[in-house]
Amino acid sequence: LAKAEGIAVTAYSSFGPASFLEFGFKHAQALVPLMKDDLITSLAAK
C-alpha cells in the first residue's frame, strides 16, 4: 500500500523480540532471538 501511494516506510524494531525482552513479553521470550537464528547467522557467515 505504502509503495503504491508514494509513502516512504521506516522500519522500527528491526531486531524483533530483542527490544521487548525487558518488558517480560512471553511471546518475545519464547522466540529464538533473530541475532541467533540459524538462517540469519548462516547468512552472516556467508
ModelCIF file with pLDDT and N, C-alpha, C, O atoms, coordinates in Angstrom:
data_MODEL
#
_entry.id   MODEL 
#
_entity.id                         1 
_entity.type                       polymer 
_entity.pdbx_number_of_molecules   1 
#
_entity_poly.entity_id                      1 
_entity_poly.type                           'polypeptide(L)' 
_entity_poly.nstd_linkage                   no 
_entity_poly.nstd_monomer                   no 
_entity_poly.pdbx_seq_one_letter_code       LAKAEGIAVTAYSSFGPASFLEFGFKHAQALVPLMKDDLITSLAAK 
_entity_poly.pdbx_seq_one_letter_code_can   LAKAEGIAVTAYSSFGPASFLEFGFKHAQALVPLMKDDLITSLAAK 
_entity_poly.pdbx_strand_id                 A 
#
loop_
_entity_poly_seq.entity_id 
_entity_poly_seq.num 
_entity_poly_seq.mon_id 
_entity_poly_seq.hetero 
1 1  LEU n 
1 2  ALA n 
1 3  LYS n 
1 4  ALA n 
1 5  GLU n 
1 6  GLY n 
1 7  ILE n 
1 8  ALA n 
1 9  VAL n 
1 10 THR n 
1 11 ALA n 
1 12 TYR n 
1 13 SER n 
1 14 SER n 
1 15 PHE n 
1 16 GLY n 
1 17 PRO n 
1 18 ALA n 
1 19 SER n 
1 20 PHE n 
1 21 LEU n 
1 22 GLU n 
1 23 PHE n 
1 24 GLY n 
1 25 PHE n 
1 26 LYS n 
1 27 HIS n 
1 28 ALA n 
1 29 GLN n 
1 30 ALA n 
1 31 LEU n 
1 32 VAL n 
1 33 PRO n 
1 34 LEU n 
1 35 MET n 
1 36 LYS n 
1 37 ASP n 
1 38 ASP n 
1 39 LEU n 
1 40 ILE n 
1 41 THR n 
1 42 SER n 
1 43 LEU n 
1 44 ALA n 
1 45 ALA n 
1 46 LYS n 
#
_struct_asym.id          A 
_struct_asym.entity_id   1 
#
loop_
_ma_qa_metric.id 
_ma_qa_metric.mode 
_ma_qa_metric.name 
_ma_qa_metric.software_group_id 
_ma_qa_metric.type 
1 global pLDDT . pLDDT 
2 local  pLDDT . pLDDT 
#
_ma_qa_metric_global.metric_id      1 
_ma_qa_metric_global.metric_value   95.63 
_ma_qa_metric_global.model_id       1 
_ma_qa_metric_global.ordinal_id     1 
#
loop_
_ma_qa_metric_local.label_asym_id 
_ma_qa_metric_local.label_comp_id 
_ma_qa_metric_local.label_seq_id 
_ma_qa_metric_local.metric_id 
_ma_qa_metric_local.metric_value 
_ma_qa_metric_local.model_id 
_ma_qa_metric_local.ordinal_id 
A LEU 1  2 98.00 1 1  
A ALA 2  2 98.00 1 2  
A LYS 3  2 98.00 1 3  
A ALA 4  2 98.00 1 4  
A GLU 5  2 98.00 1 5  
A GLY 6  2 98.00 1 6  
A ILE 7  2 98.00 1 7  
A ALA 8  2 98.00 1 8  
A VAL 9  2 98.00 1 9  
A THR 10 2 98.00 1 10 
A ALA 11 2 98.00 1 11 
A TYR 12 2 98.00 1 12 
A SER 13 2 97.00 1 13 
A SER 14 2 97.00 1 14 
A PHE 15 2 97.00 1 15 
A GLY 16 2 95.00 1 16 
A PRO 17 2 93.00 1 17 
A ALA 18 2 91.00 1 18 
A SER 19 2 89.00 1 19 
A PHE 20 2 94.00 1 20 
A LEU 21 2 91.00 1 21 
A GLU 22 2 91.00 1 22 
A PHE 23 2 92.00 1 23 
A GLY 24 2 92.00 1 24 
A PHE 25 2 93.00 1 25 
A LYS 26 2 93.00 1 26 
A HIS 27 2 93.00 1 27 
A ALA 28 2 91.00 1 28 
A GLN 29 2 93.00 1 29 
A ALA 30 2 92.00 1 30 
A LEU 31 2 94.00 1 31 
A VAL 32 2 92.00 1 32 
A PRO 33 2 94.00 1 33 
A LEU 34 2 97.00 1 34 
A MET 35 2 96.00 1 35 
A LYS 36 2 97.00 1 36 
A ASP 37 2 97.00 1 37 
A ASP 38 2 98.00 1 38 
A LEU 39 2 98.00 1 39 
A ILE 40 2 98.00 1 40 
A THR 41 2 98.00 1 41 
A SER 42 2 98.00 1 42 
A LEU 43 2 98.00 1 43 
A ALA 44 2 98.00 1 44 
A ALA 45 2 98.00 1 45 
A LYS 46 2 98.00 1 46 
#
loop_
_atom_site.group_PDB 
_atom_site.id 
_atom_site.type_symbol 
_atom_site.label_atom_id 
_atom_site.label_alt_id 
_atom_site.label_comp_id 
_atom_site.label_asym_id 
_atom_site.label_entity_id 
_atom_site.label_seq_id 
_atom_site.pdbx_PDB_ins_code 
_atom_site.Cartn_x 
_atom_site.Cartn_y 
_atom_site.Cartn_z 
_atom_site.occupancy 
_atom_site.B_iso_or_equiv 
_atom_site.pdbx_formal_charge 
_atom_site.auth_seq_id 
_atom_site.auth_comp_id 
_atom_site.auth_asym_id 
_atom_site.auth_atom_id 
_atom_site.pdbx_PDB_model_num 
ATOM 1   N N  . LEU A 1 1  ? 0.839  -1.202  0.000  1.00 98.00 ? 1  LEU A N  1 
ATOM 2   C CA . LEU A 1 1  ? 0.000  0.000   0.000  1.00 98.00 ? 1  LEU A CA 1 
ATOM 3   C C  . LEU A 1 1  ? 0.875  1.253   0.000  1.00 98.00 ? 1  LEU A C  1 
ATOM 4   O O  . LEU A 1 1  ? 0.667  2.164   -0.801 1.00 98.00 ? 1  LEU A O  1 
ATOM 5   N N  . ALA A 1 2  ? 1.849  1.290   0.898  1.00 98.00 ? 2  ALA A N  1 
ATOM 6   C CA . ALA A 1 2  ? 2.698  2.477   1.021  1.00 98.00 ? 2  ALA A CA 1 
ATOM 7   C C  . ALA A 1 2  ? 3.440  2.759   -0.280 1.00 98.00 ? 2  ALA A C  1 
ATOM 8   O O  . ALA A 1 2  ? 3.550  3.909   -0.704 1.00 98.00 ? 2  ALA A O  1 
ATOM 9   N N  . LYS A 1 3  ? 3.945  1.710   -0.904 1.00 98.00 ? 3  LYS A N  1 
ATOM 10  C CA . LYS A 1 3  ? 4.665  1.886   -2.165 1.00 98.00 ? 3  LYS A CA 1 
ATOM 11  C C  . LYS A 1 3  ? 3.741  2.429   -3.246 1.00 98.00 ? 3  LYS A C  1 
ATOM 12  O O  . LYS A 1 3  ? 4.115  3.329   -3.999 1.00 98.00 ? 3  LYS A O  1 
ATOM 13  N N  . ALA A 1 4  ? 2.544  1.884   -3.319 1.00 98.00 ? 4  ALA A N  1 
ATOM 14  C CA . ALA A 1 4  ? 1.594  2.320   -4.343 1.00 98.00 ? 4  ALA A CA 1 
ATOM 15  C C  . ALA A 1 4  ? 1.171  3.769   -4.154 1.00 98.00 ? 4  ALA A C  1 
ATOM 16  O O  . ALA A 1 4  ? 0.873  4.468   -5.123 1.00 98.00 ? 4  ALA A O  1 
ATOM 17  N N  . GLU A 1 5  ? 1.145  4.216   -2.904 1.00 98.00 ? 5  GLU A N  1 
ATOM 18  C CA . GLU A 1 5  ? 0.683  5.576   -2.604 1.00 98.00 ? 5  GLU A CA 1 
ATOM 19  C C  . GLU A 1 5  ? 1.836  6.566   -2.435 1.00 98.00 ? 5  GLU A C  1 
ATOM 20  O O  . GLU A 1 5  ? 1.603  7.731   -2.114 1.00 98.00 ? 5  GLU A O  1 
ATOM 21  N N  . GLY A 1 6  ? 3.064  6.120   -2.646 1.00 98.00 ? 6  GLY A N  1 
ATOM 22  C CA . GLY A 1 6  ? 4.204  7.025   -2.567 1.00 98.00 ? 6  GLY A CA 1 
ATOM 23  C C  . GLY A 1 6  ? 4.566  7.450   -1.160 1.00 98.00 ? 6  GLY A C  1 
ATOM 24  O O  . GLY A 1 6  ? 5.056  8.560   -0.953 1.00 98.00 ? 6  GLY A O  1 
ATOM 25  N N  . ILE A 1 7  ? 4.330  6.581   -0.192 1.00 98.00 ? 7  ILE A N  1 
ATOM 26  C CA . ILE A 1 7  ? 4.643  6.867   1.216  1.00 98.00 ? 7  ILE A CA 1 
ATOM 27  C C  . ILE A 1 7  ? 5.891  6.079   1.607  1.00 98.00 ? 7  ILE A C  1 
ATOM 28  O O  . ILE A 1 7  ? 5.903  4.852   1.506  1.00 98.00 ? 7  ILE A O  1 
ATOM 29  N N  . ALA A 1 8  ? 6.927  6.762   2.046  1.00 98.00 ? 8  ALA A N  1 
ATOM 30  C CA . ALA A 1 8  ? 8.152  6.083   2.479  1.00 98.00 ? 8  ALA A CA 1 
ATOM 31  C C  . ALA A 1 8  ? 7.889  5.327   3.776  1.00 98.00 ? 8  ALA A C  1 
ATOM 32  O O  . ALA A 1 8  ? 7.111  5.779   4.616  1.00 98.00 ? 8  ALA A O  1 
ATOM 33  N N  . VAL A 1 9  ? 8.531  4.186   3.936  1.00 98.00 ? 9  VAL A N  1 
ATOM 34  C CA . VAL A 1 9  ? 8.341  3.369   5.134  1.00 98.00 ? 9  VAL A CA 1 
ATOM 35  C C  . VAL A 1 9  ? 9.645  3.282   5.919  1.00 98.00 ? 9  VAL A C  1 
ATOM 36  O O  . VAL A 1 9  ? 10.706 2.993   5.366  1.00 98.00 ? 9  VAL A O  1 
ATOM 37  N N  . THR A 1 10 ? 9.541  3.535   7.207  1.00 98.00 ? 10 THR A N  1 
ATOM 38  C CA . THR A 1 10 ? 10.649 3.324   8.139  1.00 98.00 ? 10 THR A CA 1 
ATOM 39  C C  . THR A 1 10 ? 10.318 2.143   9.036  1.00 98.00 ? 10 THR A C  1 
ATOM 40  O O  . THR A 1 10 ? 9.246  2.089   9.638  1.00 98.00 ? 10 THR A O  1 
ATOM 41  N N  . ALA A 1 11 ? 11.243 1.201   9.119  1.00 98.00 ? 11 ALA A N  1 
ATOM 42  C CA . ALA A 1 11 ? 11.074 0.031   9.982  1.00 98.00 ? 11 ALA A CA 1 
ATOM 43  C C  . ALA A 1 11 ? 11.661 0.306   11.352 1.00 98.00 ? 11 ALA A C  1 
ATOM 44  O O  . ALA A 1 11 ? 12.799 0.760   11.467 1.00 98.00 ? 11 ALA A O  1 
ATOM 45  N N  . TYR A 1 12 ? 10.880 0.029   12.401 1.00 98.00 ? 12 TYR A N  1 
ATOM 46  C CA . TYR A 1 12 ? 11.458 0.052   13.749 1.00 98.00 ? 12 TYR A CA 1 
ATOM 47  C C  . TYR A 1 12 ? 11.459 -1.357  14.323 1.00 98.00 ? 12 TYR A C  1 
ATOM 48  O O  . TYR A 1 12 ? 10.763 -2.244  13.828 1.00 98.00 ? 12 TYR A O  1 
ATOM 49  N N  . SER A 1 13 ? 12.245 -1.548  15.366 1.00 97.00 ? 13 SER A N  1 
ATOM 50  C CA . SER A 1 13 ? 12.419 -2.860  15.998 1.00 97.00 ? 13 SER A CA 1 
ATOM 51  C C  . SER A 1 13 ? 12.887 -3.897  14.983 1.00 97.00 ? 13 SER A C  1 
ATOM 52  O O  . SER A 1 13 ? 12.342 -4.998  14.906 1.00 97.00 ? 13 SER A O  1 
ATOM 53  N N  . SER A 1 14 ? 13.898 -3.533  14.210 1.00 97.00 ? 14 SER A N  1 
ATOM 54  C CA . SER A 1 14 ? 14.405 -4.405  13.144 1.00 97.00 ? 14 SER A CA 1 
ATOM 55  C C  . SER A 1 14 ? 14.958 -5.726  13.658 1.00 97.00 ? 14 SER A C  1 
ATOM 56  O O  . SER A 1 14 ? 15.073 -6.691  12.902 1.00 97.00 ? 14 SER A O  1 
ATOM 57  N N  . PHE A 1 15 ? 15.303 -5.773  14.949 1.00 97.00 ? 15 PHE A N  1 
ATOM 58  C CA . PHE A 1 15 ? 15.865 -6.998  15.509 1.00 97.00 ? 15 PHE A CA 1 
ATOM 59  C C  . PHE A 1 15 ? 14.816 -7.829  16.239 1.00 97.00 ? 15 PHE A C  1 
ATOM 60  O O  . PHE A 1 15 ? 15.150 -8.757  16.975 1.00 97.00 ? 15 PHE A O  1 
ATOM 61  N N  . GLY A 1 16 ? 13.548 -7.491  16.030 1.00 95.00 ? 16 GLY A N  1 
ATOM 62  C CA . GLY A 1 16 ? 12.451 -8.314  16.521 1.00 95.00 ? 16 GLY A CA 1 
ATOM 63  C C  . GLY A 1 16 ? 12.315 -8.330  18.024 1.00 95.00 ? 16 GLY A C  1 
ATOM 64  O O  . GLY A 1 16 ? 12.253 -7.270  18.646 1.00 95.00 ? 16 GLY A O  1 
ATOM 65  N N  . PRO A 1 17 ? 12.267 -9.524  18.634 1.00 93.00 ? 17 PRO A N  1 
ATOM 66  C CA . PRO A 1 17 ? 11.961 -9.621  20.058 1.00 93.00 ? 17 PRO A CA 1 
ATOM 67  C C  . PRO A 1 17 ? 13.007 -9.008  20.978 1.00 93.00 ? 17 PRO A C  1 
ATOM 68  O O  . PRO A 1 17 ? 12.720 -8.775  22.152 1.00 93.00 ? 17 PRO A O  1 
ATOM 69  N N  . ALA A 1 18 ? 14.204 -8.740  20.486 1.00 91.00 ? 18 ALA A N  1 
ATOM 70  C CA . ALA A 1 18 ? 15.289 -8.253  21.347 1.00 91.00 ? 18 ALA A CA 1 
ATOM 71  C C  . ALA A 1 18 ? 14.911 -6.999  22.117 1.00 91.00 ? 18 ALA A C  1 
ATOM 72  O O  . ALA A 1 18 ? 15.310 -6.838  23.270 1.00 91.00 ? 18 ALA A O  1 
ATOM 73  N N  . SER A 1 19 ? 14.140 -6.101  21.487 1.00 89.00 ? 19 SER A N  1 
ATOM 74  C CA . SER A 1 19 ? 13.781 -4.832  22.127 1.00 89.00 ? 19 SER A CA 1 
ATOM 75  C C  . SER A 1 19 ? 12.742 -4.990  23.236 1.00 89.00 ? 19 SER A C  1 
ATOM 76  O O  . SER A 1 19 ? 12.512 -4.063  24.011 1.00 89.00 ? 19 SER A O  1 
ATOM 77  N N  . PHE A 1 20 ? 12.121 -6.156  23.308 1.00 94.00 ? 20 PHE A N  1 
ATOM 78  C CA . PHE A 1 20 ? 10.958 -6.283  24.181 1.00 94.00 ? 20 PHE A CA 1 
ATOM 79  C C  . PHE A 1 20 ? 11.133 -7.289  25.316 1.00 94.00 ? 20 PHE A C  1 
ATOM 80  O O  . PHE A 1 20 ? 10.217 -7.499  26.111 1.00 94.00 ? 20 PHE A O  1 
ATOM 81  N N  . LEU A 1 21 ? 12.302 -7.905  25.390 1.00 91.00 ? 21 LEU A N  1 
ATOM 82  C CA . LEU A 1 21 ? 12.539 -8.886  26.451 1.00 91.00 ? 21 LEU A CA 1 
ATOM 83  C C  . LEU A 1 21 ? 12.430 -8.259  27.829 1.00 91.00 ? 21 LEU A C  1 
ATOM 84  O O  . LEU A 1 21 ? 11.939 -8.888  28.766 1.00 91.00 ? 21 LEU A O  1 
ATOM 85  N N  . GLU A 1 22 ? 12.890 -7.013  27.955 1.00 91.00 ? 22 GLU A N  1 
ATOM 86  C CA . GLU A 1 22 ? 12.901 -6.358  29.268 1.00 91.00 ? 22 GLU A CA 1 
ATOM 87  C C  . GLU A 1 22 ? 11.500 -6.104  29.809 1.00 91.00 ? 22 GLU A C  1 
ATOM 88  O O  . GLU A 1 22 ? 11.327 -5.859  31.002 1.00 91.00 ? 22 GLU A O  1 
ATOM 89  N N  . PHE A 1 23 ? 10.487 -6.164  28.921 1.00 92.00 ? 23 PHE A N  1 
ATOM 90  C CA . PHE A 1 23 ? 9.110  -5.960  29.363 1.00 92.00 ? 23 PHE A CA 1 
ATOM 91  C C  . PHE A 1 23 ? 8.444  -7.258  29.822 1.00 92.00 ? 23 PHE A C  1 
ATOM 92  O O  . PHE A 1 23 ? 7.297  -7.258  30.269 1.00 92.00 ? 23 PHE A O  1 
ATOM 93  N N  . GLY A 1 24 ? 9.185  -8.362  29.701 1.00 92.00 ? 24 GLY A N  1 
ATOM 94  C CA . GLY A 1 24 ? 8.645  -9.640  30.142 1.00 92.00 ? 24 GLY A CA 1 
ATOM 95  C C  . GLY A 1 24 ? 7.603  -10.219 29.204 1.00 92.00 ? 24 GLY A C  1 
ATOM 96  O O  . GLY A 1 24 ? 6.783  -11.032 29.632 1.00 92.00 ? 24 GLY A O  1 
ATOM 97  N N  . PHE A 1 25 ? 7.610  -9.822  27.927 1.00 93.00 ? 25 PHE A N  1 
ATOM 98  C CA . PHE A 1 25 ? 6.649  -10.356 26.974 1.00 93.00 ? 25 PHE A CA 1 
ATOM 99  C C  . PHE A 1 25 ? 6.939  -11.837 26.757 1.00 93.00 ? 25 PHE A C  1 
ATOM 100 O O  . PHE A 1 25 ? 8.021  -12.201 26.295 1.00 93.00 ? 25 PHE A O  1 
ATOM 101 N N  . LYS A 1 26 ? 5.982  -12.679 27.087 1.00 93.00 ? 26 LYS A N  1 
ATOM 102 C CA . LYS A 1 26 ? 6.209  -14.120 26.987 1.00 93.00 ? 26 LYS A CA 1 
ATOM 103 C C  . LYS A 1 26 ? 6.428  -14.565 25.544 1.00 93.00 ? 26 LYS A C  1 
ATOM 104 O O  . LYS A 1 26 ? 7.225  -15.468 25.288 1.00 93.00 ? 26 LYS A O  1 
ATOM 105 N N  . HIS A 1 27 ? 5.721  -13.931 24.593 1.00 93.00 ? 27 HIS A N  1 
ATOM 106 C CA . HIS A 1 27 ? 5.905  -14.359 23.206 1.00 93.00 ? 27 HIS A CA 1 
ATOM 107 C C  . HIS A 1 27 ? 7.258  -13.906 22.666 1.00 93.00 ? 27 HIS A C  1 
ATOM 108 O O  . HIS A 1 27 ? 7.780  -14.511 21.730 1.00 93.00 ? 27 HIS A O  1 
ATOM 109 N N  . ALA A 1 28 ? 7.831  -12.854 23.239 1.00 91.00 ? 28 ALA A N  1 
ATOM 110 C CA . ALA A 1 28 ? 9.188  -12.455 22.850 1.00 91.00 ? 28 ALA A CA 1 
ATOM 111 C C  . ALA A 1 28 ? 10.214 -13.427 23.421 1.00 91.00 ? 28 ALA A C  1 
ATOM 112 O O  . ALA A 1 28 ? 11.177 -13.801 22.753 1.00 91.00 ? 28 ALA A O  1 
ATOM 113 N N  . GLN A 1 29 ? 9.987  -13.831 24.677 1.00 93.00 ? 29 GLN A N  1 
ATOM 114 C CA . GLN A 1 29 ? 10.915 -14.754 25.323 1.00 93.00 ? 29 GLN A CA 1 
ATOM 115 C C  . GLN A 1 29 ? 10.882 -16.148 24.691 1.00 93.00 ? 29 GLN A C  1 
ATOM 116 O O  . GLN A 1 29 ? 11.870 -16.881 24.737 1.00 93.00 ? 29 GLN A O  1 
ATOM 117 N N  . ALA A 1 30 ? 9.746  -16.502 24.107 1.00 92.00 ? 30 ALA A N  1 
ATOM 118 C CA . ALA A 1 30 ? 9.598  -17.852 23.553 1.00 92.00 ? 30 ALA A CA 1 
ATOM 119 C C  . ALA A 1 30 ? 10.255 -18.013 22.191 1.00 92.00 ? 30 ALA A C  1 
ATOM 120 O O  . ALA A 1 30 ? 10.490 -19.134 21.741 1.00 92.00 ? 30 ALA A O  1 
ATOM 121 N N  . LEU A 1 31 ? 10.549 -16.908 21.537 1.00 94.00 ? 31 LEU A N  1 
ATOM 122 C CA . LEU A 1 31 ? 11.100 -16.968 20.182 1.00 94.00 ? 31 LEU A CA 1 
ATOM 123 C C  . LEU A 1 31 ? 12.626 -17.028 20.202 1.00 94.00 ? 31 LEU A C  1 
ATOM 124 O O  . LEU A 1 31 ? 13.267 -16.515 21.120 1.00 94.00 ? 31 LEU A O  1 
ATOM 125 N N  . VAL A 1 32 ? 13.189 -17.652 19.190 1.00 92.00 ? 32 VAL A N  1 
ATOM 126 C CA . VAL A 1 32 ? 14.638 -17.621 19.010 1.00 92.00 ? 32 VAL A CA 1 
ATOM 127 C C  . VAL A 1 32 ? 15.039 -16.189 18.680 1.00 92.00 ? 32 VAL A C  1 
ATOM 128 O O  . VAL A 1 32 ? 14.484 -15.610 17.746 1.00 92.00 ? 32 VAL A O  1 
ATOM 129 N N  . PRO A 1 33 ? 15.984 -15.591 19.413 1.00 94.00 ? 33 PRO A N  1 
ATOM 130 C CA . PRO A 1 33 ? 16.432 -14.239 19.061 1.00 94.00 ? 33 PRO A CA 1 
ATOM 131 C C  . PRO A 1 33 ? 16.927 -14.218 17.613 1.00 94.00 ? 33 PRO A C  1 
ATOM 132 O O  . PRO A 1 33 ? 17.650 -15.117 17.183 1.00 94.00 ? 33 PRO A O  1 
ATOM 133 N N  . LEU A 1 34 ? 16.533 -13.194 16.876 1.00 97.00 ? 34 LEU A N  1 
ATOM 134 C CA . LEU A 1 34 ? 16.907 -13.151 15.467 1.00 97.00 ? 34 LEU A CA 1 
ATOM 135 C C  . LEU A 1 34 ? 18.421 -13.123 15.271 1.00 97.00 ? 34 LEU A C  1 
ATOM 136 O O  . LEU A 1 34 ? 18.930 -13.627 14.270 1.00 97.00 ? 34 LEU A O  1 
ATOM 137 N N  . MET A 1 35 ? 19.130 -12.542 16.216 1.00 96.00 ? 35 MET A N  1 
ATOM 138 C CA . MET A 1 35 ? 20.602 -12.493 16.119 1.00 96.00 ? 35 MET A CA 1 
ATOM 139 C C  . MET A 1 35 ? 21.222 -13.886 16.222 1.00 96.00 ? 35 MET A C  1 
ATOM 140 O O  . MET A 1 35 ? 22.368 -14.097 15.823 1.00 96.00 ? 35 MET A O  1 
ATOM 141 N N  . LYS A 1 36 ? 20.446 -14.842 16.768 1.00 97.00 ? 36 LYS A N  1 
ATOM 142 C CA . LYS A 1 36 ? 20.952 -16.203 16.925 1.00 97.00 ? 36 LYS A CA 1 
ATOM 143 C C  . LYS A 1 36 ? 20.214 -17.201 16.042 1.00 97.00 ? 36 LYS A C  1 
ATOM 144 O O  . LYS A 1 36 ? 20.477 -18.402 16.094 1.00 97.00 ? 36 LYS A O  1 
ATOM 145 N N  . ASP A 1 37 ? 19.294 -16.697 15.236 1.00 97.00 ? 37 ASP A N  1 
ATOM 146 C CA . ASP A 1 37 ? 18.525 -17.559 14.340 1.00 97.00 ? 37 ASP A CA 1 
ATOM 147 C C  . ASP A 1 37 ? 19.458 -18.251 13.350 1.00 97.00 ? 37 ASP A C  1 
ATOM 148 O O  . ASP A 1 37 ? 20.389 -17.633 12.833 1.00 97.00 ? 37 ASP A O  1 
ATOM 149 N N  . ASP A 1 38 ? 19.211 -19.521 13.089 1.00 98.00 ? 38 ASP A N  1 
ATOM 150 C CA . ASP A 1 38 ? 20.100 -20.299 12.211 1.00 98.00 ? 38 ASP A CA 1 
ATOM 151 C C  . ASP A 1 38 ? 20.227 -19.678 10.819 1.00 98.00 ? 38 ASP A C  1 
ATOM 152 O O  . ASP A 1 38 ? 21.328 -19.600 10.273 1.00 98.00 ? 38 ASP A O  1 
ATOM 153 N N  . LEU A 1 39 ? 19.120 -19.244 10.251 1.00 98.00 ? 39 LEU A N  1 
ATOM 154 C CA . LEU A 1 39 ? 19.170 -18.650 8.918  1.00 98.00 ? 39 LEU A CA 1 
ATOM 155 C C  . LEU A 1 39 ? 19.986 -17.364 8.928  1.00 98.00 ? 39 LEU A C  1 
ATOM 156 O O  . LEU A 1 39 ? 20.855 -17.164 8.080  1.00 98.00 ? 39 LEU A O  1 
ATOM 157 N N  . ILE A 1 40 ? 19.702 -16.497 9.889  1.00 98.00 ? 40 ILE A N  1 
ATOM 158 C CA . ILE A 1 40 ? 20.378 -15.194 9.935  1.00 98.00 ? 40 ILE A CA 1 
ATOM 159 C C  . ILE A 1 40 ? 21.877 -15.368 10.189 1.00 98.00 ? 40 ILE A C  1 
ATOM 160 O O  . ILE A 1 40 ? 22.698 -14.699 9.562  1.00 98.00 ? 40 ILE A O  1 
ATOM 161 N N  . THR A 1 41 ? 22.228 -16.265 11.106 1.00 98.00 ? 41 THR A N  1 
ATOM 162 C CA . THR A 1 41 ? 23.650 -16.464 11.397 1.00 98.00 ? 41 THR A CA 1 
ATOM 163 C C  . THR A 1 41 ? 24.377 -17.123 10.221 1.00 98.00 ? 41 THR A C  1 
ATOM 164 O O  . THR A 1 41 ? 25.546 -16.832 9.969  1.00 98.00 ? 41 THR A O  1 
ATOM 165 N N  . SER A 1 42 ? 23.683 -18.008 9.503  1.00 98.00 ? 42 SER A N  1 
ATOM 166 C CA . SER A 1 42 ? 24.326 -18.633 8.343  1.00 98.00 ? 42 SER A CA 1 
ATOM 167 C C  . SER A 1 42 ? 24.550 -17.618 7.228  1.00 98.00 ? 42 SER A C  1 
ATOM 168 O O  . SER A 1 42 ? 25.565 -17.671 6.532  1.00 98.00 ? 42 SER A O  1 
ATOM 169 N N  . LEU A 1 43 ? 23.608 -16.698 7.056  1.00 98.00 ? 43 LEU A N  1 
ATOM 170 C CA . LEU A 1 43 ? 23.784 -15.642 6.055  1.00 98.00 ? 43 LEU A CA 1 
ATOM 171 C C  . LEU A 1 43 ? 24.876 -14.664 6.471  1.00 98.00 ? 43 LEU A C  1 
ATOM 172 O O  . LEU A 1 43 ? 25.613 -14.153 5.628  1.00 98.00 ? 43 LEU A O  1 
ATOM 173 N N  . ALA A 1 44 ? 24.978 -14.405 7.770  1.00 98.00 ? 44 ALA A N  1 
ATOM 174 C CA . ALA A 1 44 ? 26.061 -13.540 8.255  1.00 98.00 ? 44 ALA A CA 1 
ATOM 175 C C  . ALA A 1 44 ? 27.416 -14.152 7.907  1.00 98.00 ? 44 ALA A C  1 
ATOM 176 O O  . ALA A 1 44 ? 28.327 -13.449 7.469  1.00 98.00 ? 44 ALA A O  1 
ATOM 177 N N  . ALA A 1 45 ? 27.543 -15.455 8.103  1.00 98.00 ? 45 ALA A N  1 
ATOM 178 C CA . ALA A 1 45 ? 28.797 -16.141 7.761  1.00 98.00 ? 45 ALA A CA 1 
ATOM 179 C C  . ALA A 1 45 ? 29.033 -16.115 6.251  1.00 98.00 ? 45 ALA A C  1 
ATOM 180 O O  . ALA A 1 45 ? 30.160 -15.919 5.797  1.00 98.00 ? 45 ALA A O  1 
ATOM 181 N N  . LYS A 1 46 ? 27.968 -16.312 5.481  1.00 98.00 ? 46 LYS A N  1 
ATOM 182 C CA . LYS A 1 46 ? 28.082 -16.335 4.020  1.00 98.00 ? 46 LYS A CA 1 
ATOM 183 C C  . LYS A 1 46 ? 28.587 -15.011 3.467  1.00 98.00 ? 46 LYS A C  1 
ATOM 184 O O  . LYS A 1 46 ? 28.739 -14.866 2.254  1.00 98.00 ? 46 LYS A O  1 
#
